[in-house]
């Protein structure tokens, strides 16, 4: 299976990087092909949402074409990021906006209310770190999960297999973090 991991934490010390590394190690151990996009260490020219003449300049450049090829290649896409103000980091939202575009990820059909997803057959896992307790997000209806499922991935035909919020990360000690990594390992083995 081809697996694409997309991570979006600006600090190299962010725990999301350890989560991504553990997930990648396990999947490779199981003979999967894994590629990682680290949005915060982008070495290419990736001026997100930078264009002059919409739609002519948006988003057709070498970087976006390479990213779309990676998404097309993947059977499973794993998004790993911290939650900030009930949302993903802006760089991930911007990346999503320029990669998952109409005519690539979905298309509108006259007379249909909902677009047709063009990325059917792909699966996704979303792993989010947060400072609030995990139960809090369930209590308030998990708005981030609704956005990612209804407004993004399902729209493109991608099935979300797991949406995991790892809460109270700021106060977790090393033992608790190792338990989380073990949980990630089990998730990767499924």
C-alpha atoms as a PDB file:
ATOM      1  CA  UNK A   1       0.000   0.000   0.000  1.00  0.00           C
ATOM      2  CA  UNK A   2       1.146   3.556  -0.727  1.00  0.00           C
ATOM      3  CA  UNK A   3       0.919   5.854   2.276  1.00  0.00           C
ATOM      4  CA  UNK A   4       1.317   9.623   2.314  1.00  0.00           C
ATOM      5  CA  UNK A   5       1.896  11.315   5.667  1.00  0.00           C
ATOM      6  CA  UNK A   6       1.215  15.059   5.768  1.00  0.00           C
ATOM      7  CA  UNK A   7       2.459  16.770   8.902  1.00  0.00           C
ATOM      8  CA  UNK A   8       2.146  20.401   9.860  1.00  0.00           C
ATOM      9  CA  UNK A   9       3.977  21.467  13.000  1.00  0.00           C
ATOM     10  CA  UNK A  10       6.415  24.395  12.763  1.00  0.00           C
ATOM     11  CA  UNK A  11       8.618  23.224  15.637  1.00  0.00           C
ATOM     12  CA  UNK A  12      11.018  20.386  14.948  1.00  0.00           C
ATOM     13  CA  UNK A  13      10.434  19.419  18.602  1.00  0.00           C
ATOM     14  CA  UNK A  14       6.673  19.110  18.151  1.00  0.00           C
ATOM     15  CA  UNK A  15       5.332  15.715  19.189  1.00  0.00           C
ATOM     16  CA  UNK A  16       3.524  15.355  15.876  1.00  0.00           C
ATOM     17  CA  UNK A  17       6.914  14.591  14.280  1.00  0.00           C
ATOM     18  CA  UNK A  18       7.414  11.656  16.655  1.00  0.00           C
ATOM     19  CA  UNK A  19       3.924  10.420  15.871  1.00  0.00           C
ATOM     20  CA  UNK A  20       4.641  10.633  12.144  1.00  0.00           C
ATOM     21  CA  UNK A  21       7.988   8.861  12.547  1.00  0.00           C
ATOM     22  CA  UNK A  22       6.475   5.987  14.517  1.00  0.00           C
ATOM     23  CA  UNK A  23       3.619   5.585  12.036  1.00  0.00           C
ATOM     24  CA  UNK A  24       6.074   5.614   9.126  1.00  0.00           C
ATOM     25  CA  UNK A  25       8.413   3.073  10.769  1.00  0.00           C
ATOM     26  CA  UNK A  26       5.599   0.602  11.394  1.00  0.00           C
ATOM     27  CA  UNK A  27       4.120   0.945   7.918  1.00  0.00           C
ATOM     28  CA  UNK A  28       7.534   0.450   6.301  1.00  0.00           C
ATOM     29  CA  UNK A  29       8.163  -2.549   8.541  1.00  0.00           C
ATOM     30  CA  UNK A  30       4.933  -3.974   7.090  1.00  0.00           C
ATOM     31  CA  UNK A  31       6.349  -3.473   3.560  1.00  0.00           C
ATOM     32  CA  UNK A  32       4.302  -0.421   2.653  1.00  0.00           C
ATOM     33  CA  UNK A  33       5.717   2.433   0.622  1.00  0.00           C
ATOM     34  CA  UNK A  34       5.634   5.653   2.679  1.00  0.00           C
ATOM     35  CA  UNK A  35       6.281   9.249   1.698  1.00  0.00           C
ATOM     36  CA  UNK A  36       6.170  12.242   4.045  1.00  0.00           C
ATOM     37  CA  UNK A  37       5.299  15.852   3.356  1.00  0.00           C
ATOM     38  CA  UNK A  38       6.505  18.176   6.103  1.00  0.00           C
ATOM     39  CA  UNK A  39       4.700  21.403   5.306  1.00  0.00           C
ATOM     40  CA  UNK A  40       6.778  23.433   7.737  1.00  0.00           C
ATOM     41  CA  UNK A  41      10.123  22.497   6.214  1.00  0.00           C
ATOM     42  CA  UNK A  42       9.134  23.149   2.622  1.00  0.00           C
ATOM     43  CA  UNK A  43      12.295  23.497   0.584  1.00  0.00           C
ATOM     44  CA  UNK A  44      10.466  24.219  -2.647  1.00  0.00           C
ATOM     45  CA  UNK A  45       8.814  27.406  -3.703  1.00  0.00           C
ATOM     46  CA  UNK A  46       5.434  26.961  -2.085  1.00  0.00           C
ATOM     47  CA  UNK A  47       3.767  30.335  -1.954  1.00  0.00           C
ATOM     48  CA  UNK A  48       0.433  29.163  -0.692  1.00  0.00           C
ATOM     49  CA  UNK A  49      -2.472  31.085  -2.130  1.00  0.00           C
ATOM     50  CA  UNK A  50      -0.159  33.484  -3.941  1.00  0.00           C
ATOM     51  CA  UNK A  51      -1.509  34.378  -7.360  1.00  0.00           C
ATOM     52  CA  UNK A  52      -2.301  37.430  -9.447  1.00  0.00           C
ATOM     53  CA  UNK A  53      -4.820  36.255 -12.023  1.00  0.00           C
ATOM     54  CA  UNK A  54      -7.340  33.814 -10.646  1.00  0.00           C
ATOM     55  CA  UNK A  55      -7.983  31.214 -12.039  1.00  0.00           C
ATOM     56  CA  UNK A  56      -5.152  31.332 -14.599  1.00  0.00           C
ATOM     57  CA  UNK A  57      -2.330  31.346 -12.019  1.00  0.00           C
ATOM     58  CA  UNK A  58      -4.067  29.224  -9.401  1.00  0.00           C
ATOM     59  CA  UNK A  59      -2.667  26.739  -8.499  1.00  0.00           C
ATOM     60  CA  UNK A  60      -0.742  25.442 -11.484  1.00  0.00           C
ATOM     61  CA  UNK A  61       2.971  25.310 -10.759  1.00  0.00           C
ATOM     62  CA  UNK A  62       5.637  22.651 -10.335  1.00  0.00           C
ATOM     63  CA  UNK A  63       5.136  22.378  -6.571  1.00  0.00           C
ATOM     64  CA  UNK A  64       1.365  21.900  -6.680  1.00  0.00           C
ATOM     65  CA  UNK A  65       1.650  19.378  -9.507  1.00  0.00           C
ATOM     66  CA  UNK A  66       4.176  17.332  -7.486  1.00  0.00           C
ATOM     67  CA  UNK A  67       1.912  17.448  -4.435  1.00  0.00           C
ATOM     68  CA  UNK A  68      -1.112  16.347  -6.477  1.00  0.00           C
ATOM     69  CA  UNK A  69       0.928  13.453  -7.865  1.00  0.00           C
ATOM     70  CA  UNK A  70       1.707  12.357  -4.302  1.00  0.00           C
ATOM     71  CA  UNK A  71      -1.977  12.519  -3.353  1.00  0.00           C
ATOM     72  CA  UNK A  72      -2.876  10.523  -6.485  1.00  0.00           C
ATOM     73  CA  UNK A  73      -0.170   7.967  -5.675  1.00  0.00           C
ATOM     74  CA  UNK A  74      -1.402   7.405  -2.112  1.00  0.00           C
ATOM     75  CA  UNK A  75      -3.895   4.757  -1.086  1.00  0.00           C
ATOM     76  CA  UNK A  76      -3.919   6.174   2.439  1.00  0.00           C
ATOM     77  CA  UNK A  77      -3.306   9.764   3.520  1.00  0.00           C
ATOM     78  CA  UNK A  78      -2.443  10.422   7.157  1.00  0.00           C
ATOM     79  CA  UNK A  79      -2.759  13.997   8.378  1.00  0.00           C
ATOM     80  CA  UNK A  80      -0.861  14.729  11.601  1.00  0.00           C
ATOM     81  CA  UNK A  81      -1.071  18.195  13.125  1.00  0.00           C
ATOM     82  CA  UNK A  82      -1.676  20.231  16.275  1.00  0.00           C
ATOM     83  CA  UNK A  83      -5.038  21.846  16.911  1.00  0.00           C
ATOM     84  CA  UNK A  84      -4.848  25.600  17.266  1.00  0.00           C
ATOM     85  CA  UNK A  85      -8.003  27.591  18.057  1.00  0.00           C
ATOM     86  CA  UNK A  86     -10.223  24.642  17.066  1.00  0.00           C
ATOM     87  CA  UNK A  87      -8.525  24.325  13.676  1.00  0.00           C
ATOM     88  CA  UNK A  88      -5.468  22.999  11.889  1.00  0.00           C
ATOM     89  CA  UNK A  89      -2.422  25.262  11.401  1.00  0.00           C
ATOM     90  CA  UNK A  90      -2.969  27.738   8.569  1.00  0.00           C
ATOM     91  CA  UNK A  91      -0.225  26.173   6.451  1.00  0.00           C
ATOM     92  CA  UNK A  92      -2.172  22.897   6.329  1.00  0.00           C
ATOM     93  CA  UNK A  93      -5.423  24.646   5.406  1.00  0.00           C
ATOM     94  CA  UNK A  94      -3.613  26.588   2.678  1.00  0.00           C
ATOM     95  CA  UNK A  95      -1.957  23.421   1.369  1.00  0.00           C
ATOM     96  CA  UNK A  96      -5.311  21.670   1.296  1.00  0.00           C
ATOM     97  CA  UNK A  97      -6.895  24.591  -0.563  1.00  0.00           C
ATOM     98  CA  UNK A  98      -4.318  24.576  -3.368  1.00  0.00           C
ATOM     99  CA  UNK A  99      -4.014  20.795  -3.722  1.00  0.00           C
ATOM    100  CA  UNK A 100      -7.571  19.483  -3.287  1.00  0.00           C
ATOM    101  CA  UNK A 101      -9.061  21.628  -6.039  1.00  0.00           C
ATOM    102  CA  UNK A 102     -12.017  21.230  -8.379  1.00  0.00           C
ATOM    103  CA  UNK A 103     -11.247  19.001 -11.372  1.00  0.00           C
ATOM    104  CA  UNK A 104      -8.556  17.224  -9.328  1.00  0.00           C
ATOM    105  CA  UNK A 105     -10.249  16.205  -6.068  1.00  0.00           C
ATOM    106  CA  UNK A 106     -13.882  16.776  -7.012  1.00  0.00           C
ATOM    107  CA  UNK A 107     -16.027  18.135  -9.800  1.00  0.00           C
ATOM    108  CA  UNK A 108     -19.333  19.893  -9.973  1.00  0.00           C
ATOM    109  CA  UNK A 109     -22.119  18.349 -12.024  1.00  0.00           C
ATOM    110  CA  UNK A 110     -25.046  20.387 -13.219  1.00  0.00           C
ATOM    111  CA  UNK A 111     -28.205  19.500 -11.342  1.00  0.00           C
ATOM    112  CA  UNK A 112     -26.378  17.859  -8.440  1.00  0.00           C
ATOM    113  CA  UNK A 113     -26.231  19.560  -5.081  1.00  0.00           C
ATOM    114  CA  UNK A 114     -23.031  17.842  -3.977  1.00  0.00           C
ATOM    115  CA  UNK A 115     -19.871  17.588  -6.108  1.00  0.00           C
ATOM    116  CA  UNK A 116     -18.619  14.190  -7.215  1.00  0.00           C
ATOM    117  CA  UNK A 117     -15.478  13.045  -5.414  1.00  0.00           C
ATOM    118  CA  UNK A 118     -12.618  12.181  -7.762  1.00  0.00           C
ATOM    119  CA  UNK A 119     -10.380  10.560  -5.135  1.00  0.00           C
ATOM    120  CA  UNK A 120     -12.628   7.593  -4.365  1.00  0.00           C
ATOM    121  CA  UNK A 121     -10.980   4.499  -2.972  1.00  0.00           C
ATOM    122  CA  UNK A 122      -8.521   6.456  -0.848  1.00  0.00           C
ATOM    123  CA  UNK A 123      -8.588   6.278   2.939  1.00  0.00           C
ATOM    124  CA  UNK A 124      -7.525   8.857   5.497  1.00  0.00           C
ATOM    125  CA  UNK A 125      -6.474   8.947   9.108  1.00  0.00           C
ATOM    126  CA  UNK A 126      -6.338  12.209  10.997  1.00  0.00           C
ATOM    127  CA  UNK A 127      -4.240  12.464  14.139  1.00  0.00           C
ATOM    128  CA  UNK A 128      -4.505  15.716  16.070  1.00  0.00           C
ATOM    129  CA  UNK A 129      -2.644  16.863  19.167  1.00  0.00           C
ATOM    130  CA  UNK A 130      -4.372  19.315  21.506  1.00  0.00           C
ATOM    131  CA  UNK A 131      -3.966  20.891  24.910  1.00  0.00           C
ATOM    132  CA  UNK A 132      -7.590  20.454  26.002  1.00  0.00           C
ATOM    133  CA  UNK A 133      -8.722  17.001  27.130  1.00  0.00           C
ATOM    134  CA  UNK A 134      -9.933  14.735  24.317  1.00  0.00           C
ATOM    135  CA  UNK A 135     -13.384  14.315  25.875  1.00  0.00           C
ATOM    136  CA  UNK A 136     -13.970  18.062  25.612  1.00  0.00           C
ATOM    137  CA  UNK A 137     -14.067  17.902  21.813  1.00  0.00           C
ATOM    138  CA  UNK A 138     -16.625  15.095  21.903  1.00  0.00           C
ATOM    139  CA  UNK A 139     -18.700  17.129  24.361  1.00  0.00           C
ATOM    140  CA  UNK A 140     -18.895  20.112  21.992  1.00  0.00           C
ATOM    141  CA  UNK A 141     -19.603  17.996  18.911  1.00  0.00           C
ATOM    142  CA  UNK A 142     -16.042  17.853  17.551  1.00  0.00           C
ATOM    143  CA  UNK A 143     -16.253  20.744  15.064  1.00  0.00           C
ATOM    144  CA  UNK A 144     -12.836  19.978  13.558  1.00  0.00           C
ATOM    145  CA  UNK A 145     -13.895  16.423  12.732  1.00  0.00           C
ATOM    146  CA  UNK A 146     -17.091  17.689  11.078  1.00  0.00           C
ATOM    147  CA  UNK A 147     -15.125  20.131   8.922  1.00  0.00           C
ATOM    148  CA  UNK A 148     -12.607  17.496   7.826  1.00  0.00           C
ATOM    149  CA  UNK A 149     -15.221  14.850   7.156  1.00  0.00           C
ATOM    150  CA  UNK A 150     -18.155  16.780   5.688  1.00  0.00           C
ATOM    151  CA  UNK A 151     -16.423  19.764   4.135  1.00  0.00           C
ATOM    152  CA  UNK A 152     -13.164  18.313   2.944  1.00  0.00           C
ATOM    153  CA  UNK A 153     -12.321  14.647   2.573  1.00  0.00           C
ATOM    154  CA  UNK A 154     -15.760  13.105   2.066  1.00  0.00           C
ATOM    155  CA  UNK A 155     -16.409  15.783  -0.540  1.00  0.00           C
ATOM    156  CA  UNK A 156     -13.445  14.345  -2.478  1.00  0.00           C
ATOM    157  CA  UNK A 157     -14.547  10.731  -2.055  1.00  0.00           C
ATOM    158  CA  UNK A 158     -11.948   9.938   0.626  1.00  0.00           C
ATOM    159  CA  UNK A 159     -13.141   7.752   3.502  1.00  0.00           C
ATOM    160  CA  UNK A 160     -11.934   8.761   6.962  1.00  0.00           C
ATOM    161  CA  UNK A 161     -10.989   5.579   8.811  1.00  0.00           C
ATOM    162  CA  UNK A 162      -9.850   7.228  12.025  1.00  0.00           C
ATOM    163  CA  UNK A 163     -10.062  10.693  13.551  1.00  0.00           C
ATOM    164  CA  UNK A 164      -7.974  10.723  16.713  1.00  0.00           C
ATOM    165  CA  UNK A 165      -7.555  13.689  19.052  1.00  0.00           C
ATOM    166  CA  UNK A 166      -4.740  13.273  21.560  1.00  0.00           C
ATOM    167  CA  UNK A 167      -5.592  15.688  24.344  1.00  0.00           C
ATOM    168  CA  UNK A 168      -3.685  17.383  27.150  1.00  0.00           C
ATOM    169  CA  UNK A 169      -0.395  17.047  25.294  1.00  0.00           C
ATOM    170  CA  UNK A 170       1.267  19.975  27.035  1.00  0.00           C
ATOM    171  CA  UNK A 171       1.105  18.225  30.417  1.00  0.00           C
ATOM    172  CA  UNK A 172       1.955  14.694  29.280  1.00  0.00           C
ATOM    173  CA  UNK A 173       5.156  13.232  30.712  1.00  0.00           C
ATOM    174  CA  UNK A 174       7.515  10.918  28.835  1.00  0.00           C
ATOM    175  CA  UNK A 175       5.715   7.753  29.977  1.00  0.00           C
ATOM    176  CA  UNK A 176       2.354   9.083  28.804  1.00  0.00           C
ATOM    177  CA  UNK A 177       3.868  10.124  25.474  1.00  0.00           C
ATOM    178  CA  UNK A 178       5.355   6.656  25.008  1.00  0.00           C
ATOM    179  CA  UNK A 179       1.897   5.171  25.597  1.00  0.00           C
ATOM    180  CA  UNK A 180       0.587   7.439  22.857  1.00  0.00           C
ATOM    181  CA  UNK A 181       3.324   6.251  20.495  1.00  0.00           C
ATOM    182  CA  UNK A 182       2.355   2.657  21.305  1.00  0.00           C
ATOM    183  CA  UNK A 183      -1.257   3.544  20.447  1.00  0.00           C
ATOM    184  CA  UNK A 184      -0.040   5.007  17.141  1.00  0.00           C
ATOM    185  CA  UNK A 185       1.875   1.813  16.461  1.00  0.00           C
ATOM    186  CA  UNK A 186      -1.292  -0.248  16.966  1.00  0.00           C
ATOM    187  CA  UNK A 187      -3.194   2.099  14.671  1.00  0.00           C
ATOM    188  CA  UNK A 188      -0.516   1.722  11.986  1.00  0.00           C
ATOM    189  CA  UNK A 189      -0.690  -2.066  12.220  1.00  0.00           C
ATOM    190  CA  UNK A 190      -4.445  -2.158  11.453  1.00  0.00           C
END
